[in-house]
Protein backbone atom coordinates (compact mmCIF):
# COMPACT_ATOMS: atom_id res chain seq x y z
CA MET A 1 0.00 0.00 0.00
CA ARG A 2 2.88 2.36 0.77
CA LEU A 3 4.29 1.81 -2.71
CA ILE A 4 0.97 2.74 -4.33
CA ARG A 5 0.70 5.93 -2.26
CA ASN A 6 4.27 6.89 -3.19
CA LEU A 7 3.67 6.25 -6.88
CA LEU A 8 0.46 8.27 -6.84
CA ALA A 9 2.15 11.17 -5.03
CA LEU A 10 5.05 11.10 -7.50
CA LEU A 11 2.63 11.13 -10.41
CA VAL A 12 0.84 14.17 -8.99
CA LEU A 13 4.21 15.85 -8.37
CA ALA A 14 5.35 15.17 -11.95
CA LEU A 15 2.11 16.57 -13.37
CA GLY A 16 2.53 19.69 -11.26
CA VAL A 17 6.08 20.22 -12.50
CA ARG A 18 4.98 19.72 -16.11
CA TRP A 19 2.08 22.16 -15.76
CA SER A 20 4.32 24.73 -14.09
CA LEU A 21 6.89 24.51 -16.87
CA GLN A 22 4.15 24.82 -19.48
CA GLY A 23 2.76 27.84 -17.68
CA LEU A 24 6.19 29.45 -17.83
CA GLY A 25 6.41 28.67 -21.55
CA LEU A 26 9.39 26.33 -21.17
CA VAL A 27 7.50 23.31 -22.54
CA GLN A 28 5.86 23.88 -25.92
CA GLY A 29 3.02 22.20 -27.77
CA SER A 30 -0.07 22.72 -25.66
CA PHE A 31 -2.85 25.20 -25.07
CA MET A 32 -1.32 25.64 -21.59
CA THR A 33 1.97 26.99 -22.97
CA GLY A 34 2.63 30.49 -21.75
CA GLN A 35 -0.61 30.71 -19.74
CA ARG A 36 0.23 32.09 -16.29
CA GLU A 37 -2.75 30.35 -14.65
CA TRP A 38 -1.16 26.95 -15.42
CA LEU A 39 1.95 28.02 -13.53
CA TYR A 40 -0.17 28.57 -10.42
CA ILE A 41 -2.21 25.40 -10.92
CA GLY A 42 1.06 23.51 -11.34
CA LEU A 43 2.59 24.98 -8.19
CA VAL A 44 -0.46 24.00 -6.14
CA THR A 45 -0.31 20.51 -7.66
CA VAL A 46 3.40 20.24 -6.76
CA LEU A 47 2.52 21.16 -3.19
CA VAL A 48 -0.20 18.49 -3.10
CA GLY A 49 2.30 15.94 -4.45
CA LEU A 50 4.86 16.85 -1.81
CA LEU A 51 2.26 16.59 0.93
CA GLY A 52 1.23 13.23 -0.50
CA LEU A 53 4.82 11.99 -0.33
CA ARG A 54 5.08 13.16 3.25
CA TRP A 55 1.83 11.40 4.11
CA ALA A 56 2.88 8.19 2.33
CA ASN A 57 6.19 8.04 4.18
CA ARG A 58 5.19 9.13 7.66
CA SER A 59 6.35 6.83 10.42
CA ARG A 60 3.87 4.48 12.05
CA ASN A 61 4.68 4.62 15.76
């Protein structure tokens, strides 16, 4: 179960990074390219991914 949570959190994190880079215009080929709102959506998604990783790897005392 821990592996699944980690993989899901990493997927969310990767999507957030991709969306942020598209929002900045560094990744071409999408309607999101150069749209500032996708930078912000991506940053929030990165934060959710990081929180998911933290949750997936918290110690069970």
